[in-house]
Amino acid sequence: MSDTPSRLELLRFTRRVVEQQARASLRQLDGWIADEERREAERRQAEERRPPPPEWLIERGLDRHSLVAVHTGDCWDPGKRLMPTTREQARDAIRQQVPACSKCRPDTRLGLLE
């Protein structure tokens, strides 16, 4: 009898190697899937915990004391120095000559300008 393996033995060996590599690849892929599912769940939880955006914003000046503009909470161009405010504070600021944003028109939403 010869010491060289038969063709059938080589094919069975190859099958075992491929099966072992496939299991290892599937374990790795399952790990990646589990990691992504965990990250997705964390993103959803963070989104659910996020407080709702303020309904009204007042933009402050560089000195942090002067008021530059009144914005709605969903304004697409609100500036950088913002403080959330109530509807009444926004209304009072406009009445005290703080300019209303020309993009989101809070004066119209507040019913101060028709």
Protein backbone atom coordinates (compact mmCIF):
# COMPACT_ATOMS: atom_id res chain seq x y z
CA MET A 1 0.00 0.00 0.00
CA SER A 2 1.19 3.51 -0.81
CA ASP A 3 1.90 6.27 1.75
CA THR A 4 0.31 8.91 -0.45
CA PRO A 5 -3.30 9.70 0.43
CA SER A 6 -5.97 8.78 -2.04
CA ARG A 7 -7.86 11.37 -4.00
CA LEU A 8 -10.94 10.70 -1.87
CA GLU A 9 -9.00 11.27 1.37
CA LEU A 10 -7.63 14.57 0.03
CA LEU A 11 -11.12 15.72 -0.93
CA ARG A 12 -12.46 14.86 2.54
CA PHE A 13 -9.55 16.69 4.17
CA THR A 14 -10.20 19.73 1.96
CA ARG A 15 -13.87 19.64 2.91
CA ARG A 16 -12.99 19.66 6.64
CA VAL A 17 -10.64 22.62 6.17
CA VAL A 18 -13.25 24.59 4.19
CA GLU A 19 -15.92 23.76 6.79
CA GLN A 20 -13.63 24.91 9.62
CA GLN A 21 -12.83 28.17 7.82
CA ALA A 22 -16.51 28.76 7.07
CA ARG A 23 -17.44 28.28 10.75
CA ALA A 24 -14.70 30.71 11.79
CA SER A 25 -15.88 33.24 9.20
CA LEU A 26 -19.50 32.87 10.32
CA ARG A 27 -18.49 33.39 13.98
CA GLN A 28 -16.63 36.55 12.99
CA LEU A 29 -19.57 37.78 10.91
CA ASP A 30 -22.01 36.99 13.75
CA GLY A 31 -19.80 39.05 16.08
CA TRP A 32 -19.90 41.98 13.67
CA ILE A 33 -23.69 41.69 13.40
CA ALA A 34 -24.06 41.60 17.20
CA ASP A 35 -21.81 44.67 17.54
CA GLU A 36 -23.84 46.59 14.96
CA GLU A 37 -27.14 45.57 16.59
CA ARG A 38 -25.80 46.82 19.94
CA ARG A 39 -24.68 50.15 18.41
CA GLU A 40 -28.06 50.54 16.69
CA ALA A 41 -29.90 49.89 19.98
CA GLU A 42 -27.67 52.46 21.74
CA ARG A 43 -28.43 55.02 18.99
CA ARG A 44 -32.18 54.41 19.38
CA GLN A 45 -31.99 54.74 23.17
CA ALA A 46 -29.98 57.96 22.89
CA GLU A 47 -32.51 59.36 20.42
CA GLU A 48 -35.40 58.46 22.73
CA ARG A 49 -33.68 60.10 25.71
CA ARG A 50 -32.80 63.29 23.85
CA PRO A 51 -34.94 66.16 25.10
CA PRO A 52 -37.15 67.84 22.53
CA PRO A 53 -35.67 70.93 20.88
CA PRO A 54 -36.78 74.27 22.32
CA GLU A 55 -39.72 75.91 20.61
CA TRP A 56 -38.12 79.37 20.71
CA LEU A 57 -34.53 80.67 20.75
CA ILE A 58 -32.96 84.02 21.46
CA GLU A 59 -29.58 84.75 19.93
CA ARG A 60 -27.19 86.73 22.08
CA GLY A 61 -24.50 89.16 20.97
CA LEU A 62 -20.76 88.78 21.43
CA ASP A 63 -20.94 90.44 24.85
CA ARG A 64 -23.46 87.77 25.95
CA HIS A 65 -25.80 90.47 27.27
CA SER A 66 -27.27 92.09 24.18
CA LEU A 67 -29.96 90.24 22.27
CA VAL A 68 -29.40 89.93 18.52
CA ALA A 69 -32.44 88.03 17.20
CA VAL A 70 -35.41 85.84 18.06
CA HIS A 71 -35.69 82.48 16.26
CA THR A 72 -38.08 79.57 16.17
CA GLY A 73 -36.67 76.31 17.54
CA ASP A 74 -36.56 74.79 14.05
CA CYS A 75 -34.81 77.73 12.35
CA TRP A 76 -32.31 76.57 9.74
CA ASP A 77 -29.96 79.53 10.34
CA PRO A 78 -30.08 80.35 14.06
CA GLY A 79 -26.54 81.58 14.73
CA LYS A 80 -24.23 80.26 17.43
CA ARG A 81 -24.91 82.02 20.74
CA LEU A 82 -28.39 80.74 21.52
CA MET A 83 -30.46 80.37 24.62
CA PRO A 84 -33.73 78.46 24.73
CA THR A 85 -36.66 80.57 25.78
CA THR A 86 -40.38 80.44 26.35
CA ARG A 87 -43.06 81.71 24.00
CA GLU A 88 -43.73 84.69 26.28
CA GLN A 89 -40.04 85.63 26.50
CA ALA A 90 -39.75 85.44 22.70
CA ARG A 91 -42.86 87.60 22.31
CA ASP A 92 -41.57 90.14 24.86
CA ALA A 93 -38.17 90.32 23.15
CA ILE A 94 -39.77 91.14 19.78
CA ARG A 95 -41.99 93.73 21.43
CA GLN A 96 -38.83 95.27 22.93
CA GLN A 97 -37.39 95.72 19.42
CA VAL A 98 -35.18 92.61 19.29
CA PRO A 99 -35.20 91.73 15.58
CA ALA A 100 -37.09 88.65 14.44
CA CYS A 101 -35.11 86.26 12.24
CA SER A 102 -35.90 86.94 8.60
CA LYS A 103 -35.59 83.24 7.72
CA CYS A 104 -37.87 81.52 10.24
CA ARG A 105 -40.18 84.52 10.91
CA PRO A 106 -40.96 83.99 14.63
CA ASP A 107 -42.95 87.24 14.67
CA THR A 108 -45.47 85.67 12.28
CA ARG A 109 -45.71 82.44 14.29
CA LEU A 110 -46.18 84.42 17.47
CA GLY A 111 -49.01 86.34 15.89
CA LEU A 112 -47.22 89.70 16.17
CA LEU A 113 -47.06 90.29 12.43
CA GLU A 114 -49.71 89.41 9.91
